[in-house]
C-alpha atoms as a PDB file:
ATOM      1  CA  UNK A   1      81.889 109.023  84.297  1.00  0.00           C
ATOM      2  CA  UNK A   2      83.518 108.708  80.936  1.00  0.00           C
ATOM      3  CA  UNK A   3      87.120 107.384  81.391  1.00  0.00           C
ATOM      4  CA  UNK A   4      89.439 109.901  81.467  1.00  0.00           C
ATOM      5  CA  UNK A   5      92.526 110.307  79.292  1.00  0.00           C
ATOM      6  CA  UNK A   6      95.834 110.642  81.334  1.00  0.00           C
ATOM      7  CA  UNK A   7      98.819 112.608  80.264  1.00  0.00           C
ATOM      8  CA  UNK A   8     102.310 112.025  81.937  1.00  0.00           C
ATOM      9  CA  UNK A   9     104.721 114.413  82.098  1.00  0.00           C
ATOM     10  CA  UNK A  10     108.393 114.208  82.511  1.00  0.00           C
ATOM     11  CA  UNK A  11     111.079 116.664  82.582  1.00  0.00           C
ATOM     12  CA  UNK A  12     114.458 115.456  81.724  1.00  0.00           C
ATOM     13  CA  UNK A  13     118.118 116.926  81.202  1.00  0.00           C
ATOM     14  CA  UNK A  14     120.882 114.528  80.307  1.00  0.00           C
ATOM     15  CA  UNK A  15     118.914 111.501  80.998  1.00  0.00           C
ATOM     16  CA  UNK A  16     119.910 109.083  78.428  1.00  0.00           C
ATOM     17  CA  UNK A  17     120.763 106.320  80.705  1.00  0.00           C
ATOM     18  CA  UNK A  18     117.270 106.005  82.119  1.00  0.00           C
ATOM     19  CA  UNK A  19     114.709 107.542  79.793  1.00  0.00           C
ATOM     20  CA  UNK A  20     113.910 104.077  78.026  1.00  0.00           C
ATOM     21  CA  UNK A  21     113.308 101.922  80.873  1.00  0.00           C
ATOM     22  CA  UNK A  22     111.501 105.040  82.589  1.00  0.00           C
ATOM     23  CA  UNK A  23     109.036 105.358  79.576  1.00  0.00           C
ATOM     24  CA  UNK A  24     108.597 101.622  79.367  1.00  0.00           C
ATOM     25  CA  UNK A  25     107.888 101.788  82.981  1.00  0.00           C
ATOM     26  CA  UNK A  26     105.400 104.050  83.269  1.00  0.00           C
ATOM     27  CA  UNK A  27     103.441 102.365  80.219  1.00  0.00           C
ATOM     28  CA  UNK A  28     103.199  99.638  82.508  1.00  0.00           C
ATOM     29  CA  UNK A  29     101.394 101.588  84.872  1.00  0.00           C
ATOM     30  CA  UNK A  30      99.039 103.077  82.117  1.00  0.00           C
ATOM     31  CA  UNK A  31      98.437  99.489  80.600  1.00  0.00           C
ATOM     32  CA  UNK A  32      97.544  98.251  83.962  1.00  0.00           C
ATOM     33  CA  UNK A  33      95.175 101.047  84.838  1.00  0.00           C
ATOM     34  CA  UNK A  34      93.489 100.860  81.411  1.00  0.00           C
ATOM     35  CA  UNK A  35      93.215  97.057  82.061  1.00  0.00           C
ATOM     36  CA  UNK A  36      91.247  98.037  85.012  1.00  0.00           C
ATOM     37  CA  UNK A  37      88.987 100.603  83.463  1.00  0.00           C
ATOM     38  CA  UNK A  38      90.324 103.744  85.260  1.00  0.00           C
ATOM     39  CA  UNK A  39      91.755 105.382  82.424  1.00  0.00           C
ATOM     40  CA  UNK A  40      91.251 105.778  78.710  1.00  0.00           C
ATOM     41  CA  UNK A  41      93.630 103.469  75.995  1.00  0.00           C
ATOM     42  CA  UNK A  42      94.372 106.872  74.076  1.00  0.00           C
ATOM     43  CA  UNK A  43      96.715 107.973  77.862  1.00  0.00           C
ATOM     44  CA  UNK A  44      99.967 108.975  76.926  1.00  0.00           C
ATOM     45  CA  UNK A  45     103.557 110.111  78.004  1.00  0.00           C
ATOM     46  CA  UNK A  46     104.842 113.728  77.253  1.00  0.00           C
ATOM     47  CA  UNK A  47     108.532 114.313  77.627  1.00  0.00           C
ATOM     48  CA  UNK A  48     109.858 117.568  78.023  1.00  0.00           C
ATOM     49  CA  UNK A  49     113.920 117.585  76.956  1.00  0.00           C
ATOM     50  CA  UNK A  50     115.336 120.988  79.059  1.00  0.00           C
ATOM     51  CA  UNK A  51     117.889 121.448  76.388  1.00  0.00           C
ATOM     52  CA  UNK A  52     119.845 117.934  76.993  1.00  0.00           C
ATOM     53  CA  UNK A  53     123.306 117.872  75.241  1.00  0.00           C
ATOM     54  CA  UNK A  54     123.675 113.987  75.365  1.00  0.00           C
ATOM     55  CA  UNK A  55     121.321 111.898  73.203  1.00  0.00           C
ATOM     56  CA  UNK A  56     118.248 112.251  75.234  1.00  0.00           C
ATOM     57  CA  UNK A  57     116.308 113.578  72.266  1.00  0.00           C
ATOM     58  CA  UNK A  58     117.175 111.030  69.796  1.00  0.00           C
ATOM     59  CA  UNK A  59     116.070 108.679  72.279  1.00  0.00           C
ATOM     60  CA  UNK A  60     113.041 110.096  72.659  1.00  0.00           C
ATOM     61  CA  UNK A  61     112.545 110.558  69.279  1.00  0.00           C
ATOM     62  CA  UNK A  62     112.882 106.345  68.822  1.00  0.00           C
ATOM     63  CA  UNK A  63     110.478 106.227  71.169  1.00  0.00           C
ATOM     64  CA  UNK A  64     107.757 108.182  69.369  1.00  0.00           C
ATOM     65  CA  UNK A  65     108.529 106.394  66.100  1.00  0.00           C
ATOM     66  CA  UNK A  66     107.923 102.895  67.855  1.00  0.00           C
ATOM     67  CA  UNK A  67     104.925 104.267  69.912  1.00  0.00           C
ATOM     68  CA  UNK A  68     102.798 107.392  68.905  1.00  0.00           C
ATOM     69  CA  UNK A  69     101.966 107.512  72.155  1.00  0.00           C
ATOM     70  CA  UNK A  70     105.127 108.679  73.421  1.00  0.00           C
ATOM     71  CA  UNK A  71     105.117 112.294  72.905  1.00  0.00           C
ATOM     72  CA  UNK A  72     107.365 115.603  73.711  1.00  0.00           C
ATOM     73  CA  UNK A  73     109.163 118.698  73.095  1.00  0.00           C
ATOM     74  CA  UNK A  74     112.530 120.036  73.138  1.00  0.00           C
ATOM     75  CA  UNK A  75     113.797 123.093  74.267  1.00  0.00           C
ATOM     76  CA  UNK A  76     116.617 125.139  72.291  1.00  0.00           C
ATOM     77  CA  UNK A  77     118.806 125.723  75.709  1.00  0.00           C
ATOM     78  CA  UNK A  78     118.280 124.488  79.538  1.00  0.00           C
ATOM     79  CA  UNK A  79     116.038 126.648  81.330  1.00  0.00           C
ATOM     80  CA  UNK A  80     115.677 124.959  84.668  1.00  0.00           C
ATOM     81  CA  UNK A  81     113.005 122.178  86.145  1.00  0.00           C
ATOM     82  CA  UNK A  82     110.040 124.800  86.965  1.00  0.00           C
ATOM     83  CA  UNK A  83     110.013 125.495  83.123  1.00  0.00           C
ATOM     84  CA  UNK A  84     110.487 122.379  82.244  1.00  0.00           C
ATOM     85  CA  UNK A  85     107.015 121.424  84.292  1.00  0.00           C
ATOM     86  CA  UNK A  86     105.227 124.344  83.071  1.00  0.00           C
ATOM     87  CA  UNK A  87     106.067 123.224  79.471  1.00  0.00           C
ATOM     88  CA  UNK A  88     104.388 119.936  80.304  1.00  0.00           C
ATOM     89  CA  UNK A  89     101.621 120.934  81.772  1.00  0.00           C
ATOM     90  CA  UNK A  90     100.763 123.500  78.936  1.00  0.00           C
ATOM     91  CA  UNK A  91     101.939 121.063  76.264  1.00  0.00           C
ATOM     92  CA  UNK A  92      99.473 118.346  77.515  1.00  0.00           C
ATOM     93  CA  UNK A  93      96.770 121.044  77.437  1.00  0.00           C
ATOM     94  CA  UNK A  94      97.278 121.821  74.305  1.00  0.00           C
ATOM     95  CA  UNK A  95      97.244 118.377  72.944  1.00  0.00           C
ATOM     96  CA  UNK A  96      94.383 117.482  75.139  1.00  0.00           C
ATOM     97  CA  UNK A  97      94.031 115.348  78.297  1.00  0.00           C
ATOM     98  CA  UNK A  98      91.302 115.144  81.344  1.00  0.00           C
ATOM     99  CA  UNK A  99      94.122 115.088  83.876  1.00  0.00           C
ATOM    100  CA  UNK A 100      97.983 114.709  83.889  1.00  0.00           C
ATOM    101  CA  UNK A 101     100.609 113.847  86.067  1.00  0.00           C
ATOM    102  CA  UNK A 102     103.995 114.997  86.644  1.00  0.00           C
ATOM    103  CA  UNK A 103     106.732 112.908  87.570  1.00  0.00           C
ATOM    104  CA  UNK A 104     110.726 112.974  87.534  1.00  0.00           C
ATOM    105  CA  UNK A 105     112.705 111.103  84.804  1.00  0.00           C
ATOM    106  CA  UNK A 106     114.523 109.022  87.300  1.00  0.00           C
ATOM    107  CA  UNK A 107     111.565 107.508  88.897  1.00  0.00           C
ATOM    108  CA  UNK A 108     112.699 107.851  92.211  1.00  0.00           C
ATOM    109  CA  UNK A 109     108.916 108.651  93.070  1.00  0.00           C
ATOM    110  CA  UNK A 110     106.871 105.348  92.908  1.00  0.00           C
ATOM    111  CA  UNK A 111     105.223 105.551  89.838  1.00  0.00           C
ATOM    112  CA  UNK A 112     102.915 102.695  91.012  1.00  0.00           C
ATOM    113  CA  UNK A 113     101.304 105.396  93.276  1.00  0.00           C
ATOM    114  CA  UNK A 114     100.002 107.009  89.926  1.00  0.00           C
ATOM    115  CA  UNK A 115      97.018 104.612  90.574  1.00  0.00           C
ATOM    116  CA  UNK A 116      95.879 106.386  93.986  1.00  0.00           C
ATOM    117  CA  UNK A 117      96.385 109.734  92.351  1.00  0.00           C
ATOM    118  CA  UNK A 118      93.653 108.718  89.783  1.00  0.00           C
ATOM    119  CA  UNK A 119      91.700 107.191  92.316  1.00  0.00           C
ATOM    120  CA  UNK A 120      91.530 110.546  93.687  1.00  0.00           C
ATOM    121  CA  UNK A 121      90.807 112.365  90.805  1.00  0.00           C
ATOM    122  CA  UNK A 122      87.972 109.792  90.082  1.00  0.00           C
ATOM    123  CA  UNK A 123      86.661 111.054  93.286  1.00  0.00           C
ATOM    124  CA  UNK A 124      86.209 114.657  92.604  1.00  0.00           C
ATOM    125  CA  UNK A 125      89.809 116.165  93.176  1.00  0.00           C
ATOM    126  CA  UNK A 126      91.080 118.820  91.054  1.00  0.00           C
ATOM    127  CA  UNK A 127      94.897 118.513  92.468  1.00  0.00           C
ATOM    128  CA  UNK A 128      96.254 115.602  94.072  1.00  0.00           C
ATOM    129  CA  UNK A 129      99.531 116.387  95.672  1.00  0.00           C
ATOM    130  CA  UNK A 130     101.958 113.815  96.373  1.00  0.00           C
ATOM    131  CA  UNK A 131     104.052 113.719  99.868  1.00  0.00           C
ATOM    132  CA  UNK A 132     106.813 111.589 100.647  1.00  0.00           C
ATOM    133  CA  UNK A 133     106.667 109.244 103.262  1.00  0.00           C
ATOM    134  CA  UNK A 134     110.315 109.823 104.438  1.00  0.00           C
ATOM    135  CA  UNK A 135     113.722 111.707 103.381  1.00  0.00           C
ATOM    136  CA  UNK A 136     115.516 108.388 104.186  1.00  0.00           C
ATOM    137  CA  UNK A 137     117.218 108.297 100.774  1.00  0.00           C
ATOM    138  CA  UNK A 138     118.612 112.310 101.206  1.00  0.00           C
ATOM    139  CA  UNK A 139     121.674 113.464 103.000  1.00  0.00           C
ATOM    140  CA  UNK A 140     121.694 114.914 106.737  1.00  0.00           C
ATOM    141  CA  UNK A 141     122.596 118.604 104.790  1.00  0.00           C
ATOM    142  CA  UNK A 142     119.658 118.422 102.061  1.00  0.00           C
ATOM    143  CA  UNK A 143     117.273 116.914 104.433  1.00  0.00           C
ATOM    144  CA  UNK A 144     117.562 119.623 106.905  1.00  0.00           C
ATOM    145  CA  UNK A 145     117.774 122.361 104.273  1.00  0.00           C
ATOM    146  CA  UNK A 146     114.506 120.884 102.895  1.00  0.00           C
ATOM    147  CA  UNK A 147     112.501 120.803 106.362  1.00  0.00           C
ATOM    148  CA  UNK A 148     113.678 124.294 106.908  1.00  0.00           C
ATOM    149  CA  UNK A 149     112.257 125.614 103.647  1.00  0.00           C
ATOM    150  CA  UNK A 150     109.312 123.836 104.115  1.00  0.00           C
ATOM    151  CA  UNK A 151     108.694 125.364 107.655  1.00  0.00           C
ATOM    152  CA  UNK A 152     109.843 129.031 106.431  1.00  0.00           C
ATOM    153  CA  UNK A 153     107.094 129.119 103.846  1.00  0.00           C
ATOM    154  CA  UNK A 154     104.532 128.208 106.075  1.00  0.00           C
ATOM    155  CA  UNK A 155     105.578 131.037 108.440  1.00  0.00           C
ATOM    156  CA  UNK A 156     105.432 133.468 105.328  1.00  0.00           C
ATOM    157  CA  UNK A 157     102.038 132.398 104.855  1.00  0.00           C
ATOM    158  CA  UNK A 158     102.420 130.128 101.876  1.00  0.00           C
ATOM    159  CA  UNK A 159     100.810 127.122 102.174  1.00  0.00           C
ATOM    160  CA  UNK A 160     102.849 123.924 100.739  1.00  0.00           C
ATOM    161  CA  UNK A 161     102.397 120.584 102.956  1.00  0.00           C
ATOM    162  CA  UNK A 162     105.883 119.035 104.714  1.00  0.00           C
ATOM    163  CA  UNK A 163     107.674 117.233 101.882  1.00  0.00           C
ATOM    164  CA  UNK A 164     105.392 117.903  98.664  1.00  0.00           C
ATOM    165  CA  UNK A 165     107.643 117.686  95.412  1.00  0.00           C
ATOM    166  CA  UNK A 166     106.426 118.536  92.005  1.00  0.00           C
ATOM    167  CA  UNK A 167     104.829 114.903  91.866  1.00  0.00           C
ATOM    168  CA  UNK A 168     101.276 115.531  91.753  1.00  0.00           C
ATOM    169  CA  UNK A 169      98.252 115.369  89.250  1.00  0.00           C
ATOM    170  CA  UNK A 170      96.073 118.397  88.182  1.00  0.00           C
ATOM    171  CA  UNK A 171      92.931 118.029  86.227  1.00  0.00           C
ATOM    172  CA  UNK A 172      92.265 119.904  82.763  1.00  0.00           C
ATOM    173  CA  UNK A 173      89.954 122.502  85.346  1.00  0.00           C
ATOM    174  CA  UNK A 174      93.645 123.234  86.655  1.00  0.00           C
ATOM    175  CA  UNK A 175      95.484 123.563  83.664  1.00  0.00           C
ATOM    176  CA  UNK A 176      92.773 125.979  82.482  1.00  0.00           C
ATOM    177  CA  UNK A 177      93.832 128.082  85.442  1.00  0.00           C
ATOM    178  CA  UNK A 178      97.268 127.958  84.832  1.00  0.00           C
ATOM    179  CA  UNK A 179      97.278 128.982  81.720  1.00  0.00           C
ATOM    180  CA  UNK A 180      95.552 132.309  82.926  1.00  0.00           C
ATOM    181  CA  UNK A 181      98.646 132.802  84.909  1.00  0.00           C
ATOM    182  CA  UNK A 182     101.102 134.526  82.815  1.00  0.00           C
ATOM    183  CA  UNK A 183     104.191 135.229  85.171  1.00  0.00           C
ATOM    184  CA  UNK A 184     107.270 133.973  84.026  1.00  0.00           C
ATOM    185  CA  UNK A 185     108.914 132.494  87.457  1.00  0.00           C
ATOM    186  CA  UNK A 186     105.844 130.554  88.660  1.00  0.00           C
ATOM    187  CA  UNK A 187     106.443 128.496  91.616  1.00  0.00           C
ATOM    188  CA  UNK A 188     104.154 125.410  91.161  1.00  0.00           C
ATOM    189  CA  UNK A 189     103.919 124.142  94.760  1.00  0.00           C
ATOM    190  CA  UNK A 190     102.533 127.636  95.794  1.00  0.00           C
ATOM    191  CA  UNK A 191     100.607 127.773  92.638  1.00  0.00           C
ATOM    192  CA  UNK A 192      98.612 124.845  92.806  1.00  0.00           C
ATOM    193  CA  UNK A 193      98.143 125.259  96.517  1.00  0.00           C
ATOM    194  CA  UNK A 194      96.862 128.655  96.170  1.00  0.00           C
ATOM    195  CA  UNK A 195      94.284 128.373  93.780  1.00  0.00           C
ATOM    196  CA  UNK A 196      91.170 127.135  96.028  1.00  0.00           C
ATOM    197  CA  UNK A 197      90.766 123.742  93.926  1.00  0.00           C
ATOM    198  CA  UNK A 198      89.928 120.753  95.728  1.00  0.00           C
ATOM    199  CA  UNK A 199      93.268 119.036  97.100  1.00  0.00           C
ATOM    200  CA  UNK A 200      93.759 115.694  97.989  1.00  0.00           C
ATOM    201  CA  UNK A 201      97.104 114.112  99.180  1.00  0.00           C
ATOM    202  CA  UNK A 202      98.629 110.720  98.277  1.00  0.00           C
ATOM    203  CA  UNK A 203     101.552 109.234 100.414  1.00  0.00           C
ATOM    204  CA  UNK A 204     104.606 107.879  98.356  1.00  0.00           C
ATOM    205  CA  UNK A 205     108.060 106.089  98.934  1.00  0.00           C
ATOM    206  CA  UNK A 206     111.083 107.167  97.443  1.00  0.00           C
ATOM    207  CA  UNK A 207     113.449 105.146  95.920  1.00  0.00           C
ATOM    208  CA  UNK A 208     117.321 105.576  95.566  1.00  0.00           C
ATOM    209  CA  UNK A 209     118.477 106.678  92.522  1.00  0.00           C
ATOM    210  CA  UNK A 210     119.820 103.342  90.293  1.00  0.00           C
ATOM    211  CA  UNK A 211     120.979 105.226  86.995  1.00  0.00           C
ATOM    212  CA  UNK A 212     122.771 108.588  86.447  1.00  0.00           C
ATOM    213  CA  UNK A 213     123.108 111.208  88.741  1.00  0.00           C
ATOM    214  CA  UNK A 214     120.646 114.130  89.934  1.00  0.00           C
ATOM    215  CA  UNK A 215     120.841 117.344  87.973  1.00  0.00           C
ATOM    216  CA  UNK A 216     119.468 119.571  91.280  1.00  0.00           C
ATOM    217  CA  UNK A 217     122.427 120.905  93.066  1.00  0.00           C
ATOM    218  CA  UNK A 218     122.481 122.916  95.941  1.00  0.00           C
ATOM    219  CA  UNK A 219     122.314 126.063  94.110  1.00  0.00           C
ATOM    220  CA  UNK A 220     119.500 125.326  92.180  1.00  0.00           C
ATOM    221  CA  UNK A 221     117.811 124.262  95.470  1.00  0.00           C
ATOM    222  CA  UNK A 222     118.607 127.723  96.931  1.00  0.00           C
ATOM    223  CA  UNK A 223     117.234 129.204  93.522  1.00  0.00           C
ATOM    224  CA  UNK A 224     114.190 127.456  93.740  1.00  0.00           C
ATOM    225  CA  UNK A 225     113.851 128.610  97.499  1.00  0.00           C
ATOM    226  CA  UNK A 226     114.308 132.041  96.580  1.00  0.00           C
ATOM    227  CA  UNK A 227     111.838 131.952  93.835  1.00  0.00           C
ATOM    228  CA  UNK A 228     109.037 130.539  95.850  1.00  0.00           C
ATOM    229  CA  UNK A 229     109.596 132.867  98.848  1.00  0.00           C
ATOM    230  CA  UNK A 230     109.752 135.862  96.476  1.00  0.00           C
ATOM    231  CA  UNK A 231     106.749 135.115  94.345  1.00  0.00           C
ATOM    232  CA  UNK A 232     104.157 134.165  96.827  1.00  0.00           C
ATOM    233  CA  UNK A 233     104.937 136.096  99.932  1.00  0.00           C
ATOM    234  CA  UNK A 234     105.994 139.831 100.894  1.00  0.00           C
ATOM    235  CA  UNK A 235     106.219 139.231 104.409  1.00  0.00           C
ATOM    236  CA  UNK A 236     110.251 139.413 104.215  1.00  0.00           C
ATOM    237  CA  UNK A 237     109.549 143.116 102.936  1.00  0.00           C
ATOM    238  CA  UNK A 238     107.232 143.964 105.735  1.00  0.00           C
ATOM    239  CA  UNK A 239     109.997 142.289 108.227  1.00  0.00           C
ATOM    240  CA  UNK A 240     112.244 144.659 106.742  1.00  0.00           C
ATOM    241  CA  UNK A 241     110.191 147.878 107.201  1.00  0.00           C
ATOM    242  CA  UNK A 242     109.605 146.438 111.295  1.00  0.00           C
ATOM    243  CA  UNK A 243     113.351 146.166 111.455  1.00  0.00           C
ATOM    244  CA  UNK A 244     113.818 149.524 110.029  1.00  0.00           C
ATOM    245  CA  UNK A 245     111.430 150.767 112.687  1.00  0.00           C
ATOM    246  CA  UNK A 246     113.286 149.261 115.290  1.00  0.00           C
ATOM    247  CA  UNK A 247     116.629 150.339 114.214  1.00  0.00           C
ATOM    248  CA  UNK A 248     115.664 154.193 114.448  1.00  0.00           C
ATOM    249  CA  UNK A 249     114.012 153.665 117.964  1.00  0.00           C
ATOM    250  CA  UNK A 250     117.369 151.767 119.056  1.00  0.00           C
ATOM    251  CA  UNK A 251     119.270 154.641 117.775  1.00  0.00           C
ATOM    252  CA  UNK A 252     117.298 157.163 119.157  1.00  0.00           C
ATOM    253  CA  UNK A 253     117.592 156.060 122.658  1.00  0.00           C
ATOM    254  CA  UNK A 254     121.534 155.234 122.025  1.00  0.00           C
ATOM    255  CA  UNK A 255     121.310 159.188 121.017  1.00  0.00           C
ATOM    256  CA  UNK A 256     119.330 160.417 124.067  1.00  0.00           C
ATOM    257  CA  UNK A 257     121.921 158.489 126.411  1.00  0.00           C
ATOM    258  CA  UNK A 258     124.844 159.919 125.027  1.00  0.00           C
ATOM    259  CA  UNK A 259     123.198 163.795 125.461  1.00  0.00           C
ATOM    260  CA  UNK A 260     122.237 162.707 129.032  1.00  0.00           C
ATOM    261  CA  UNK A 261     126.184 161.378 129.799  1.00  0.00           C
ATOM    262  CA  UNK A 262     127.451 164.518 128.519  1.00  0.00           C
ATOM    263  CA  UNK A 263     124.678 167.263 129.972  1.00  0.00           C
ATOM    264  CA  UNK A 264     124.266 165.906 133.497  1.00  0.00           C
ATOM    265  CA  UNK A 265     127.171 163.311 134.164  1.00  0.00           C
ATOM    266  CA  UNK A 266     129.805 165.336 132.219  1.00  0.00           C
ATOM    267  CA  UNK A 267     130.924 162.101 130.949  1.00  0.00           C
ATOM    268  CA  UNK A 268     132.047 161.373 127.430  1.00  0.00           C
ATOM    269  CA  UNK A 269     130.767 158.159 126.436  1.00  0.00           C
ATOM    270  CA  UNK A 270     133.730 155.962 125.593  1.00  0.00           C
ATOM    271  CA  UNK A 271     133.562 152.286 123.945  1.00  0.00           C
ATOM    272  CA  UNK A 272     135.582 151.553 120.731  1.00  0.00           C
ATOM    273  CA  UNK A 273     134.824 148.108 120.395  1.00  0.00           C
ATOM    274  CA  UNK A 274     131.272 148.505 121.175  1.00  0.00           C
ATOM    275  CA  UNK A 275     130.714 151.282 118.601  1.00  0.00           C
ATOM    276  CA  UNK A 276     132.716 149.075 116.009  1.00  0.00           C
ATOM    277  CA  UNK A 277     130.475 146.002 116.871  1.00  0.00           C
ATOM    278  CA  UNK A 278     127.305 147.910 116.588  1.00  0.00           C
ATOM    279  CA  UNK A 279     128.280 149.746 113.262  1.00  0.00           C
ATOM    280  CA  UNK A 280     129.368 146.162 112.032  1.00  0.00           C
ATOM    281  CA  UNK A 281     125.868 144.449 112.739  1.00  0.00           C
ATOM    282  CA  UNK A 282     123.792 147.168 111.532  1.00  0.00           C
ATOM    283  CA  UNK A 283     125.812 147.383 108.466  1.00  0.00           C
ATOM    284  CA  UNK A 284     125.678 143.710 107.819  1.00  0.00           C
ATOM    285  CA  UNK A 285     121.743 144.029 108.569  1.00  0.00           C
ATOM    286  CA  UNK A 286     121.571 146.757 106.318  1.00  0.00           C
ATOM    287  CA  UNK A 287     123.126 144.568 103.570  1.00  0.00           C
ATOM    288  CA  UNK A 288     120.762 141.582 104.236  1.00  0.00           C
ATOM    289  CA  UNK A 289     117.951 143.830 104.080  1.00  0.00           C
ATOM    290  CA  UNK A 290     118.925 145.210 100.676  1.00  0.00           C
ATOM    291  CA  UNK A 291     119.710 141.916  99.591  1.00  0.00           C
ATOM    292  CA  UNK A 292     115.957 140.729 100.055  1.00  0.00           C
ATOM    293  CA  UNK A 293     114.874 143.488  98.681  1.00  0.00           C
ATOM    294  CA  UNK A 294     117.010 143.120  95.502  1.00  0.00           C
ATOM    295  CA  UNK A 295     115.351 139.493  95.117  1.00  0.00           C
ATOM    296  CA  UNK A 296     112.108 141.029  94.799  1.00  0.00           C
ATOM    297  CA  UNK A 297     113.386 143.604  92.383  1.00  0.00           C
ATOM    298  CA  UNK A 298     115.025 140.946  90.463  1.00  0.00           C
ATOM    299  CA  UNK A 299     111.466 139.070  90.332  1.00  0.00           C
ATOM    300  CA  UNK A 300     109.988 142.133  88.651  1.00  0.00           C
ATOM    301  CA  UNK A 301     113.223 142.803  86.470  1.00  0.00           C
ATOM    302  CA  UNK A 302     112.356 139.486  84.545  1.00  0.00           C
ATOM    303  CA  UNK A 303     108.409 139.905  84.648  1.00  0.00           C
ATOM    304  CA  UNK A 304     108.496 143.591  83.026  1.00  0.00           C
ATOM    305  CA  UNK A 305     111.057 142.479  80.235  1.00  0.00           C
ATOM    306  CA  UNK A 306     108.207 139.866  79.107  1.00  0.00           C
ATOM    307  CA  UNK A 307     110.570 137.484  77.405  1.00  0.00           C
ATOM    308  CA  UNK A 308     108.923 133.996  76.935  1.00  0.00           C
ATOM    309  CA  UNK A 309     109.364 131.294  79.608  1.00  0.00           C
ATOM    310  CA  UNK A 310     111.054 128.965  77.022  1.00  0.00           C
ATOM    311  CA  UNK A 311     111.688 128.371  73.653  1.00  0.00           C
ATOM    312  CA  UNK A 312     110.661 125.372  71.949  1.00  0.00           C
ATOM    313  CA  UNK A 313     113.363 123.510  69.290  1.00  0.00           C
ATOM    314  CA  UNK A 314     111.491 120.373  68.311  1.00  0.00           C
ATOM    315  CA  UNK A 315     107.922 118.951  69.084  1.00  0.00           C
ATOM    316  CA  UNK A 316     106.785 115.558  68.561  1.00  0.00           C
ATOM    317  CA  UNK A 317     102.900 115.328  68.796  1.00  0.00           C
END
């Protein structure tokens, strides 16, 4: 088997404090793999600047002048982490590579685990997913919501392994399949576990962030979770249909009970507080169901407009 060309994609947003050290650290990994004869010496790094407002792109341009194996693209504005990941994957597909690893700019994900990813690829895997060993670096709230998200996704039929992030290796074959999907709001964690290619797993440790701060706040995490659910499962819509049926049955029984009391017991049903409570409960339930339906309609709305996922400003090849 010929030595594969490895590309490493790095989505980044306002990462001027760490982008140079990140690139240097990743080239240490690449050079180590080249020396060991596991990858080709033309393996490279592809940086996606997701509309940074600091000097991130200036620093990427300087790195490119020093070393042509540093390549990248800059968006005209911020499109979000998933779009940056997709742009990186499709960008290296156009440039050419045999496999690609996606990793975050802060290098909290252990970059030396890339060798294990490559080993699994050399053994025939088309997708190698990174699995966190623990969530000790996360806050209690973030840890709890993450566990709830993964369990919810699995209940809804989306097969995503617990503690899997967007740290993964995918082959050229997987990239070709990705290019066939035109949908704009693609949830990569669900996508790569759905397409049916051989998937292996590599465990890695997460390090505390040393420089800068995370750009992924709770609102963005909630948006990512909702996108994942509505992109790969219609089970919530079916649950709403079932709830609607049982609400109808319940209302029928309540109505029959009221008629029975009136005709046979000559007793007008009372209970103002009960009535208000029941109406408030079902009113809230209806609004919740409308919100879920609205999320799906929003997905359809975004897709039918057929706007581009992102707009490139500058590209370094």
